[in-house]
């Protein structure tokens, strides 16, 4: 029997490894960052465990859309990434994968995510189109918008109103306060991320919050953390959440202070470490919400 044909550019196993590299499979914090606040919103909307179907839909959907977002980002930034130390060896930038192939991968991931959304309701489906639009637009805002991290914050926050819509078929005011808090959190951790590449970004002309804030970058990050926790705390008080939720917020605040200490010297490795650790902050708030409802 003749051997199965292999795709161009290497064997099936090598190509699969390249696809995993494209979607940042080895960096799970990238999809955990939007997942934890989405799950927190789902628990608050349901006032407890939302059920396995919605939990699985939103967990898988978050992973798929973040992966698709990586593809769009790499296609948009492929000419910039070769000038940045951290991104020079990405599949598109290094020439190991073509644009059409990458877009095909992104299309499959997006379609899979949309199939999951179709299992929810009309309002959630409608919100998903907004989420997709912002995810596509975000990479291009680095060329003209001084705070593109805010656009990323919008993209990473769409899961919160979608969670409320899926549970309640409505998006009440408390959900938008959660969105504001999440937007502030994204600004905090993605500014830390931008601080890693600041010198490279200045050379190639990309705009970031770290460049815009300048010498006030650390102060800005800490202000974003404070706004985030204030919004999430206000929602907790509005919903009558108790000691466990507040303890989660307090522990999250302690982590934010630690991140501030890590970045205060603006060392690349320390700023990147602070960014990578942020998913634990989100998980802490979610765990507080879970315990608060479970132990009532």
C-alpha atoms as a PDB file:
ATOM      1  CA  UNK A   1       0.000   0.000   0.000  1.00  0.00           C
ATOM      2  CA  UNK A   2       1.455   3.437  -0.877  1.00  0.00           C
ATOM      3  CA  UNK A   3       2.374   5.750   1.967  1.00  0.00           C
ATOM      4  CA  UNK A   4      -0.075   8.524   2.810  1.00  0.00           C
ATOM      5  CA  UNK A   5       0.829  11.882   1.282  1.00  0.00           C
ATOM      6  CA  UNK A   6       2.427  14.412   3.581  1.00  0.00           C
ATOM      7  CA  UNK A   7       1.628  18.116   3.571  1.00  0.00           C
ATOM      8  CA  UNK A   8       4.251  20.432   2.204  1.00  0.00           C
ATOM      9  CA  UNK A   9       6.794  21.673   4.712  1.00  0.00           C
ATOM     10  CA  UNK A  10       7.289  18.422   6.635  1.00  0.00           C
ATOM     11  CA  UNK A  11       5.488  15.362   7.920  1.00  0.00           C
ATOM     12  CA  UNK A  12       2.110  15.330   9.591  1.00  0.00           C
ATOM     13  CA  UNK A  13       3.671  15.293  13.044  1.00  0.00           C
ATOM     14  CA  UNK A  14       5.954  18.229  12.252  1.00  0.00           C
ATOM     15  CA  UNK A  15       3.053  20.161  10.736  1.00  0.00           C
ATOM     16  CA  UNK A  16       0.905  19.463  13.770  1.00  0.00           C
ATOM     17  CA  UNK A  17       3.649  20.774  16.032  1.00  0.00           C
ATOM     18  CA  UNK A  18       3.789  23.919  13.898  1.00  0.00           C
ATOM     19  CA  UNK A  19       0.037  24.450  14.274  1.00  0.00           C
ATOM     20  CA  UNK A  20       0.360  24.071  18.039  1.00  0.00           C
ATOM     21  CA  UNK A  21       3.135  26.640  17.990  1.00  0.00           C
ATOM     22  CA  UNK A  22       0.917  28.974  15.964  1.00  0.00           C
ATOM     23  CA  UNK A  23      -1.855  28.880  18.589  1.00  0.00           C
ATOM     24  CA  UNK A  24       0.603  29.143  21.535  1.00  0.00           C
ATOM     25  CA  UNK A  25      -0.309  25.689  22.856  1.00  0.00           C
ATOM     26  CA  UNK A  26       2.671  25.794  25.216  1.00  0.00           C
ATOM     27  CA  UNK A  27       1.508  29.083  26.768  1.00  0.00           C
ATOM     28  CA  UNK A  28      -1.828  28.257  28.406  1.00  0.00           C
ATOM     29  CA  UNK A  29      -1.903  31.498  30.386  1.00  0.00           C
ATOM     30  CA  UNK A  30      -3.042  33.189  27.168  1.00  0.00           C
ATOM     31  CA  UNK A  31      -6.428  31.449  27.212  1.00  0.00           C
ATOM     32  CA  UNK A  32      -6.673  31.153  30.990  1.00  0.00           C
ATOM     33  CA  UNK A  33      -6.596  34.956  31.267  1.00  0.00           C
ATOM     34  CA  UNK A  34      -9.976  35.406  29.512  1.00  0.00           C
ATOM     35  CA  UNK A  35     -11.364  32.142  30.901  1.00  0.00           C
ATOM     36  CA  UNK A  36     -11.316  32.921  34.645  1.00  0.00           C
ATOM     37  CA  UNK A  37     -13.353  36.162  34.521  1.00  0.00           C
ATOM     38  CA  UNK A  38     -15.772  34.524  32.086  1.00  0.00           C
ATOM     39  CA  UNK A  39     -16.330  31.661  34.527  1.00  0.00           C
ATOM     40  CA  UNK A  40     -16.653  34.131  37.406  1.00  0.00           C
ATOM     41  CA  UNK A  41     -19.380  35.979  35.487  1.00  0.00           C
ATOM     42  CA  UNK A  42     -21.095  32.664  34.785  1.00  0.00           C
ATOM     43  CA  UNK A  43     -21.106  31.728  38.489  1.00  0.00           C
ATOM     44  CA  UNK A  44     -22.441  35.156  39.462  1.00  0.00           C
ATOM     45  CA  UNK A  45     -25.138  35.012  36.780  1.00  0.00           C
ATOM     46  CA  UNK A  46     -26.246  31.533  37.847  1.00  0.00           C
ATOM     47  CA  UNK A  47     -25.720  32.256  41.562  1.00  0.00           C
ATOM     48  CA  UNK A  48     -23.692  29.071  41.740  1.00  0.00           C
ATOM     49  CA  UNK A  49     -22.715  26.197  39.479  1.00  0.00           C
ATOM     50  CA  UNK A  50     -24.075  26.943  35.965  1.00  0.00           C
ATOM     51  CA  UNK A  51     -24.200  23.312  34.825  1.00  0.00           C
ATOM     52  CA  UNK A  52     -21.765  21.216  32.833  1.00  0.00           C
ATOM     53  CA  UNK A  53     -23.049  22.053  29.328  1.00  0.00           C
ATOM     54  CA  UNK A  54     -22.431  25.803  29.662  1.00  0.00           C
ATOM     55  CA  UNK A  55     -19.198  25.261  31.549  1.00  0.00           C
ATOM     56  CA  UNK A  56     -17.799  23.055  28.786  1.00  0.00           C
ATOM     57  CA  UNK A  57     -19.107  25.298  25.983  1.00  0.00           C
ATOM     58  CA  UNK A  58     -17.485  28.423  27.386  1.00  0.00           C
ATOM     59  CA  UNK A  59     -14.236  26.728  28.374  1.00  0.00           C
ATOM     60  CA  UNK A  60     -13.759  25.174  24.933  1.00  0.00           C
ATOM     61  CA  UNK A  61     -14.999  28.311  23.187  1.00  0.00           C
ATOM     62  CA  UNK A  62     -12.540  30.514  25.068  1.00  0.00           C
ATOM     63  CA  UNK A  63      -9.661  28.247  24.101  1.00  0.00           C
ATOM     64  CA  UNK A  64     -10.714  28.130  20.442  1.00  0.00           C
ATOM     65  CA  UNK A  65     -11.255  31.878  20.082  1.00  0.00           C
ATOM     66  CA  UNK A  66      -8.011  32.756  21.818  1.00  0.00           C
ATOM     67  CA  UNK A  67      -6.230  30.350  19.461  1.00  0.00           C
ATOM     68  CA  UNK A  68      -7.926  31.950  16.453  1.00  0.00           C
ATOM     69  CA  UNK A  69      -6.960  35.357  17.822  1.00  0.00           C
ATOM     70  CA  UNK A  70      -3.321  34.294  17.889  1.00  0.00           C
ATOM     71  CA  UNK A  71      -3.569  33.458  14.192  1.00  0.00           C
ATOM     72  CA  UNK A  72      -5.089  36.840  13.287  1.00  0.00           C
ATOM     73  CA  UNK A  73      -2.495  38.621  15.421  1.00  0.00           C
ATOM     74  CA  UNK A  74       0.404  36.799  13.763  1.00  0.00           C
ATOM     75  CA  UNK A  75      -0.927  37.449  10.253  1.00  0.00           C
ATOM     76  CA  UNK A  76      -1.341  41.154  10.990  1.00  0.00           C
ATOM     77  CA  UNK A  77       2.029  41.520  12.745  1.00  0.00           C
ATOM     78  CA  UNK A  78       4.186  39.198  10.643  1.00  0.00           C
ATOM     79  CA  UNK A  79       6.287  42.061   9.242  1.00  0.00           C
ATOM     80  CA  UNK A  80       6.751  43.638  12.672  1.00  0.00           C
ATOM     81  CA  UNK A  81       7.428  40.421  14.579  1.00  0.00           C
ATOM     82  CA  UNK A  82      10.710  39.701  12.795  1.00  0.00           C
ATOM     83  CA  UNK A  83      12.176  42.817  14.435  1.00  0.00           C
ATOM     84  CA  UNK A  84      11.143  41.792  17.967  1.00  0.00           C
ATOM     85  CA  UNK A  85      13.384  39.410  19.887  1.00  0.00           C
ATOM     86  CA  UNK A  86      10.508  37.561  21.554  1.00  0.00           C
ATOM     87  CA  UNK A  87       8.477  36.957  18.384  1.00  0.00           C
ATOM     88  CA  UNK A  88      11.064  36.503  15.626  1.00  0.00           C
ATOM     89  CA  UNK A  89      10.699  32.713  15.512  1.00  0.00           C
ATOM     90  CA  UNK A  90       6.915  32.484  15.254  1.00  0.00           C
ATOM     91  CA  UNK A  91       5.754  30.225  12.398  1.00  0.00           C
ATOM     92  CA  UNK A  92       4.610  33.008  10.063  1.00  0.00           C
ATOM     93  CA  UNK A  93       7.466  35.360  10.823  1.00  0.00           C
ATOM     94  CA  UNK A  94      10.117  32.704  10.352  1.00  0.00           C
ATOM     95  CA  UNK A  95       8.601  31.589   7.034  1.00  0.00           C
ATOM     96  CA  UNK A  96       7.749  28.068   8.197  1.00  0.00           C
ATOM     97  CA  UNK A  97       4.068  28.681   7.386  1.00  0.00           C
ATOM     98  CA  UNK A  98       2.274  30.717   4.748  1.00  0.00           C
ATOM     99  CA  UNK A  99      -0.482  33.281   5.321  1.00  0.00           C
ATOM    100  CA  UNK A 100      -3.178  31.253   3.527  1.00  0.00           C
ATOM    101  CA  UNK A 101      -2.441  28.160   5.585  1.00  0.00           C
ATOM    102  CA  UNK A 102      -2.513  30.151   8.821  1.00  0.00           C
ATOM    103  CA  UNK A 103      -5.818  31.796   7.883  1.00  0.00           C
ATOM    104  CA  UNK A 104      -7.267  28.359   7.097  1.00  0.00           C
ATOM    105  CA  UNK A 105      -6.314  27.192  10.592  1.00  0.00           C
ATOM    106  CA  UNK A 106      -7.860  30.331  12.085  1.00  0.00           C
ATOM    107  CA  UNK A 107     -11.026  29.808  10.065  1.00  0.00           C
ATOM    108  CA  UNK A 108     -11.428  26.235  11.301  1.00  0.00           C
ATOM    109  CA  UNK A 109     -10.941  27.343  14.919  1.00  0.00           C
ATOM    110  CA  UNK A 110     -13.477  30.171  14.550  1.00  0.00           C
ATOM    111  CA  UNK A 111     -16.032  27.895  12.932  1.00  0.00           C
ATOM    112  CA  UNK A 112     -15.634  25.357  15.740  1.00  0.00           C
ATOM    113  CA  UNK A 113     -16.174  28.100  18.322  1.00  0.00           C
ATOM    114  CA  UNK A 114     -19.264  29.340  16.485  1.00  0.00           C
ATOM    115  CA  UNK A 115     -20.711  25.823  16.438  1.00  0.00           C
ATOM    116  CA  UNK A 116     -20.414  25.805  20.228  1.00  0.00           C
ATOM    117  CA  UNK A 117     -22.168  29.185  20.510  1.00  0.00           C
ATOM    118  CA  UNK A 118     -25.053  27.829  18.452  1.00  0.00           C
ATOM    119  CA  UNK A 119     -25.786  25.522  21.397  1.00  0.00           C
ATOM    120  CA  UNK A 120     -26.748  28.542  23.547  1.00  0.00           C
ATOM    121  CA  UNK A 121     -29.398  31.188  22.739  1.00  0.00           C
ATOM    122  CA  UNK A 122     -30.037  34.045  20.351  1.00  0.00           C
ATOM    123  CA  UNK A 123     -28.630  36.830  22.540  1.00  0.00           C
ATOM    124  CA  UNK A 124     -25.395  34.940  23.138  1.00  0.00           C
ATOM    125  CA  UNK A 125     -25.069  34.231  19.414  1.00  0.00           C
ATOM    126  CA  UNK A 126     -25.604  37.918  18.603  1.00  0.00           C
ATOM    127  CA  UNK A 127     -22.899  38.956  21.097  1.00  0.00           C
ATOM    128  CA  UNK A 128     -20.489  36.457  19.554  1.00  0.00           C
ATOM    129  CA  UNK A 129     -20.413  38.475  16.316  1.00  0.00           C
ATOM    130  CA  UNK A 130     -19.241  41.511  18.260  1.00  0.00           C
ATOM    131  CA  UNK A 131     -16.579  39.411  19.948  1.00  0.00           C
ATOM    132  CA  UNK A 132     -15.329  38.164  16.578  1.00  0.00           C
ATOM    133  CA  UNK A 133     -15.249  41.667  15.072  1.00  0.00           C
ATOM    134  CA  UNK A 134     -13.188  43.138  17.919  1.00  0.00           C
ATOM    135  CA  UNK A 135     -10.793  40.162  17.856  1.00  0.00           C
ATOM    136  CA  UNK A 136     -10.120  40.760  14.165  1.00  0.00           C
ATOM    137  CA  UNK A 137      -9.726  44.525  14.541  1.00  0.00           C
ATOM    138  CA  UNK A 138      -7.436  44.475  17.593  1.00  0.00           C
ATOM    139  CA  UNK A 139      -4.073  43.595  15.941  1.00  0.00           C
ATOM    140  CA  UNK A 140      -4.405  46.487  13.484  1.00  0.00           C
ATOM    141  CA  UNK A 141      -5.041  49.101  16.204  1.00  0.00           C
ATOM    142  CA  UNK A 142      -1.359  48.939  17.196  1.00  0.00           C
ATOM    143  CA  UNK A 143      -0.639  51.053  14.117  1.00  0.00           C
ATOM    144  CA  UNK A 144      -2.744  54.096  15.043  1.00  0.00           C
ATOM    145  CA  UNK A 145      -4.225  53.812  18.561  1.00  0.00           C
ATOM    146  CA  UNK A 146      -2.066  54.832  21.509  1.00  0.00           C
ATOM    147  CA  UNK A 147      -3.674  52.269  23.868  1.00  0.00           C
ATOM    148  CA  UNK A 148      -4.374  49.147  21.786  1.00  0.00           C
ATOM    149  CA  UNK A 149      -4.420  47.157  25.030  1.00  0.00           C
ATOM    150  CA  UNK A 150      -7.842  48.719  25.667  1.00  0.00           C
ATOM    151  CA  UNK A 151      -9.140  47.122  22.456  1.00  0.00           C
ATOM    152  CA  UNK A 152      -7.700  43.796  23.573  1.00  0.00           C
ATOM    153  CA  UNK A 153      -9.510  44.368  26.858  1.00  0.00           C
ATOM    154  CA  UNK A 154     -12.805  44.685  25.017  1.00  0.00           C
ATOM    155  CA  UNK A 155     -12.073  41.490  23.072  1.00  0.00           C
ATOM    156  CA  UNK A 156     -11.116  39.600  26.228  1.00  0.00           C
ATOM    157  CA  UNK A 157     -14.215  40.897  28.046  1.00  0.00           C
ATOM    158  CA  UNK A 158     -16.899  39.738  25.615  1.00  0.00           C
ATOM    159  CA  UNK A 159     -17.109  36.386  27.378  1.00  0.00           C
ATOM    160  CA  UNK A 160     -18.593  38.073  30.455  1.00  0.00           C
ATOM    161  CA  UNK A 161     -21.813  39.481  28.923  1.00  0.00           C
ATOM    162  CA  UNK A 162     -22.036  36.319  26.820  1.00  0.00           C
ATOM    163  CA  UNK A 163     -21.953  34.256  30.026  1.00  0.00           C
ATOM    164  CA  UNK A 164     -24.808  36.301  31.504  1.00  0.00           C
ATOM    165  CA  UNK A 165     -26.726  36.045  28.236  1.00  0.00           C
ATOM    166  CA  UNK A 166     -26.288  32.262  28.147  1.00  0.00           C
ATOM    167  CA  UNK A 167     -27.452  31.829  31.751  1.00  0.00           C
ATOM    168  CA  UNK A 168     -30.198  34.471  32.012  1.00  0.00           C
ATOM    169  CA  UNK A 169     -30.927  35.514  28.428  1.00  0.00           C
ATOM    170  CA  UNK A 170     -30.203  39.101  29.494  1.00  0.00           C
ATOM    171  CA  UNK A 171     -27.181  41.260  30.355  1.00  0.00           C
ATOM    172  CA  UNK A 172     -27.912  43.274  33.529  1.00  0.00           C
ATOM    173  CA  UNK A 173     -25.946  46.292  34.755  1.00  0.00           C
ATOM    174  CA  UNK A 174     -23.773  44.199  37.083  1.00  0.00           C
ATOM    175  CA  UNK A 175     -22.343  42.386  34.056  1.00  0.00           C
ATOM    176  CA  UNK A 176     -21.100  45.657  32.574  1.00  0.00           C
ATOM    177  CA  UNK A 177     -19.399  46.566  35.830  1.00  0.00           C
ATOM    178  CA  UNK A 178     -17.628  43.216  35.637  1.00  0.00           C
ATOM    179  CA  UNK A 179     -16.659  44.100  32.060  1.00  0.00           C
ATOM    180  CA  UNK A 180     -15.207  47.437  33.191  1.00  0.00           C
ATOM    181  CA  UNK A 181     -13.208  45.646  35.877  1.00  0.00           C
ATOM    182  CA  UNK A 182     -11.958  43.084  33.394  1.00  0.00           C
ATOM    183  CA  UNK A 183     -11.012  45.798  30.910  1.00  0.00           C
ATOM    184  CA  UNK A 184      -8.903  47.423  33.633  1.00  0.00           C
ATOM    185  CA  UNK A 185      -7.284  44.078  34.461  1.00  0.00           C
ATOM    186  CA  UNK A 186      -6.366  43.472  30.810  1.00  0.00           C
ATOM    187  CA  UNK A 187      -4.845  46.958  30.658  1.00  0.00           C
ATOM    188  CA  UNK A 188      -2.775  46.082  33.736  1.00  0.00           C
ATOM    189  CA  UNK A 189      -1.352  42.765  32.591  1.00  0.00           C
ATOM    190  CA  UNK A 190      -0.995  43.619  28.910  1.00  0.00           C
ATOM    191  CA  UNK A 191       0.883  46.801  29.810  1.00  0.00           C
ATOM    192  CA  UNK A 192       3.272  44.560  31.751  1.00  0.00           C
ATOM    193  CA  UNK A 193       3.555  42.469  28.587  1.00  0.00           C
ATOM    194  CA  UNK A 194       4.179  45.594  26.490  1.00  0.00           C
ATOM    195  CA  UNK A 195       6.926  46.687  28.879  1.00  0.00           C
ATOM    196  CA  UNK A 196       8.875  43.585  27.811  1.00  0.00           C
ATOM    197  CA  UNK A 197       8.955  44.703  24.162  1.00  0.00           C
ATOM    198  CA  UNK A 198       9.062  48.469  24.671  1.00  0.00           C
ATOM    199  CA  UNK A 199      12.511  49.038  23.131  1.00  0.00           C
ATOM    200  CA  UNK A 200      11.712  46.904  20.082  1.00  0.00           C
ATOM    201  CA  UNK A 201       8.292  48.528  19.648  1.00  0.00           C
ATOM    202  CA  UNK A 202       9.814  52.014  19.741  1.00  0.00           C
ATOM    203  CA  UNK A 203      12.190  51.054  16.916  1.00  0.00           C
ATOM    204  CA  UNK A 204       9.511  49.645  14.620  1.00  0.00           C
ATOM    205  CA  UNK A 205       6.793  52.205  15.377  1.00  0.00           C
ATOM    206  CA  UNK A 206       4.156  50.064  17.103  1.00  0.00           C
ATOM    207  CA  UNK A 207       2.033  51.872  19.679  1.00  0.00           C
ATOM    208  CA  UNK A 208       1.429  50.346  23.106  1.00  0.00           C
ATOM    209  CA  UNK A 209       0.185  51.425  26.510  1.00  0.00           C
ATOM    210  CA  UNK A 210       3.697  51.004  27.929  1.00  0.00           C
ATOM    211  CA  UNK A 211       5.013  53.588  25.452  1.00  0.00           C
ATOM    212  CA  UNK A 212       2.038  55.915  25.911  1.00  0.00           C
ATOM    213  CA  UNK A 213       2.289  55.870  29.716  1.00  0.00           C
ATOM    214  CA  UNK A 214       6.052  56.398  29.591  1.00  0.00           C
ATOM    215  CA  UNK A 215       7.580  56.899  33.028  1.00  0.00           C
ATOM    216  CA  UNK A 216       4.122  56.506  34.566  1.00  0.00           C
ATOM    217  CA  UNK A 217       3.821  52.921  33.351  1.00  0.00           C
ATOM    218  CA  UNK A 218       4.143  51.286  36.773  1.00  0.00           C
ATOM    219  CA  UNK A 219       1.735  53.773  38.339  1.00  0.00           C
ATOM    220  CA  UNK A 220      -0.672  53.147  35.487  1.00  0.00           C
ATOM    221  CA  UNK A 221      -0.521  49.378  35.928  1.00  0.00           C
ATOM    222  CA  UNK A 222      -1.242  49.657  39.635  1.00  0.00           C
ATOM    223  CA  UNK A 223      -4.096  52.073  38.957  1.00  0.00           C
ATOM    224  CA  UNK A 224      -5.606  49.589  36.514  1.00  0.00           C
ATOM    225  CA  UNK A 225      -5.364  46.826  39.112  1.00  0.00           C
ATOM    226  CA  UNK A 226      -7.074  49.064  41.682  1.00  0.00           C
ATOM    227  CA  UNK A 227      -9.934  49.906  39.302  1.00  0.00           C
ATOM    228  CA  UNK A 228     -10.358  46.230  38.441  1.00  0.00           C
ATOM    229  CA  UNK A 229     -10.646  45.097  42.051  1.00  0.00           C
ATOM    230  CA  UNK A 230     -12.911  48.044  42.933  1.00  0.00           C
ATOM    231  CA  UNK A 231     -15.360  47.116  40.171  1.00  0.00           C
ATOM    232  CA  UNK A 232     -15.380  43.429  41.040  1.00  0.00           C
ATOM    233  CA  UNK A 233     -15.712  44.256  44.724  1.00  0.00           C
ATOM    234  CA  UNK A 234     -18.637  46.570  44.014  1.00  0.00           C
ATOM    235  CA  UNK A 235     -20.444  43.830  42.128  1.00  0.00           C
ATOM    236  CA  UNK A 236     -19.840  41.468  45.039  1.00  0.00           C
ATOM    237  CA  UNK A 237     -21.374  43.927  47.481  1.00  0.00           C
ATOM    238  CA  UNK A 238     -24.329  44.502  45.157  1.00  0.00           C
ATOM    239  CA  UNK A 239     -24.987  40.755  44.992  1.00  0.00           C
ATOM    240  CA  UNK A 240     -24.491  40.258  48.707  1.00  0.00           C
ATOM    241  CA  UNK A 241     -21.463  37.997  48.352  1.00  0.00           C
ATOM    242  CA  UNK A 242     -19.637  37.160  51.534  1.00  0.00           C
ATOM    243  CA  UNK A 243     -16.326  36.319  53.138  1.00  0.00           C
ATOM    244  CA  UNK A 244     -14.995  33.841  50.583  1.00  0.00           C
ATOM    245  CA  UNK A 245     -15.499  36.165  47.619  1.00  0.00           C
ATOM    246  CA  UNK A 246     -13.962  39.059  49.539  1.00  0.00           C
ATOM    247  CA  UNK A 247     -11.049  36.844  50.566  1.00  0.00           C
ATOM    248  CA  UNK A 248     -10.494  35.994  46.903  1.00  0.00           C
ATOM    249  CA  UNK A 249     -10.394  39.703  46.069  1.00  0.00           C
ATOM    250  CA  UNK A 250      -7.986  40.360  48.947  1.00  0.00           C
ATOM    251  CA  UNK A 251      -5.637  37.613  47.734  1.00  0.00           C
ATOM    252  CA  UNK A 252      -5.919  38.990  44.211  1.00  0.00           C
ATOM    253  CA  UNK A 253      -4.964  42.410  45.562  1.00  0.00           C
ATOM    254  CA  UNK A 254      -1.916  40.912  47.264  1.00  0.00           C
ATOM    255  CA  UNK A 255      -0.874  39.359  43.960  1.00  0.00           C
ATOM    256  CA  UNK A 256      -1.309  42.718  42.226  1.00  0.00           C
ATOM    257  CA  UNK A 257       1.012  44.335  44.771  1.00  0.00           C
ATOM    258  CA  UNK A 258       3.565  41.613  44.130  1.00  0.00           C
ATOM    259  CA  UNK A 259       3.338  42.234  40.403  1.00  0.00           C
ATOM    260  CA  UNK A 260       3.922  45.913  41.074  1.00  0.00           C
ATOM    261  CA  UNK A 261       7.088  45.004  42.928  1.00  0.00           C
ATOM    262  CA  UNK A 262       8.216  42.773  40.073  1.00  0.00           C
ATOM    263  CA  UNK A 263       7.844  45.473  37.426  1.00  0.00           C
ATOM    264  CA  UNK A 264       9.063  48.506  39.360  1.00  0.00           C
ATOM    265  CA  UNK A 265      12.602  48.206  37.922  1.00  0.00           C
ATOM    266  CA  UNK A 266      11.229  47.578  34.422  1.00  0.00           C
ATOM    267  CA  UNK A 267      13.461  44.549  33.856  1.00  0.00           C
ATOM    268  CA  UNK A 268      12.300  42.484  30.848  1.00  0.00           C
ATOM    269  CA  UNK A 269      12.303  39.119  32.628  1.00  0.00           C
ATOM    270  CA  UNK A 270      10.486  40.465  35.693  1.00  0.00           C
ATOM    271  CA  UNK A 271       7.828  42.213  33.603  1.00  0.00           C
ATOM    272  CA  UNK A 272       7.255  39.019  31.632  1.00  0.00           C
ATOM    273  CA  UNK A 273       7.046  37.023  34.864  1.00  0.00           C
ATOM    274  CA  UNK A 274       4.404  39.409  36.215  1.00  0.00           C
ATOM    275  CA  UNK A 275       2.376  39.032  33.035  1.00  0.00           C
ATOM    276  CA  UNK A 276       2.586  35.217  33.073  1.00  0.00           C
ATOM    277  CA  UNK A 277       1.436  35.022  36.691  1.00  0.00           C
ATOM    278  CA  UNK A 278      -1.737  37.051  36.153  1.00  0.00           C
ATOM    279  CA  UNK A 279      -3.914  34.046  35.397  1.00  0.00           C
ATOM    280  CA  UNK A 280      -3.504  33.028  39.058  1.00  0.00           C
ATOM    281  CA  UNK A 281      -5.061  36.362  40.038  1.00  0.00           C
ATOM    282  CA  UNK A 282      -8.089  35.614  37.881  1.00  0.00           C
ATOM    283  CA  UNK A 283      -8.339  32.071  39.200  1.00  0.00           C
ATOM    284  CA  UNK A 284      -8.253  33.372  42.781  1.00  0.00           C
ATOM    285  CA  UNK A 285     -11.277  35.615  42.206  1.00  0.00           C
ATOM    286  CA  UNK A 286     -13.175  32.786  40.500  1.00  0.00           C
ATOM    287  CA  UNK A 287     -12.345  30.369  43.338  1.00  0.00           C
ATOM    288  CA  UNK A 288     -13.645  32.901  45.851  1.00  0.00           C
ATOM    289  CA  UNK A 289     -16.948  33.137  43.974  1.00  0.00           C
ATOM    290  CA  UNK A 290     -17.231  29.346  43.721  1.00  0.00           C
ATOM    291  CA  UNK A 291     -16.650  28.874  47.451  1.00  0.00           C
ATOM    292  CA  UNK A 292     -18.988  31.707  48.369  1.00  0.00           C
ATOM    293  CA  UNK A 293     -21.933  30.098  46.594  1.00  0.00           C
ATOM    294  CA  UNK A 294     -21.019  26.503  47.456  1.00  0.00           C
ATOM    295  CA  UNK A 295     -20.681  27.053  51.200  1.00  0.00           C
ATOM    296  CA  UNK A 296     -23.745  29.190  51.832  1.00  0.00           C
END
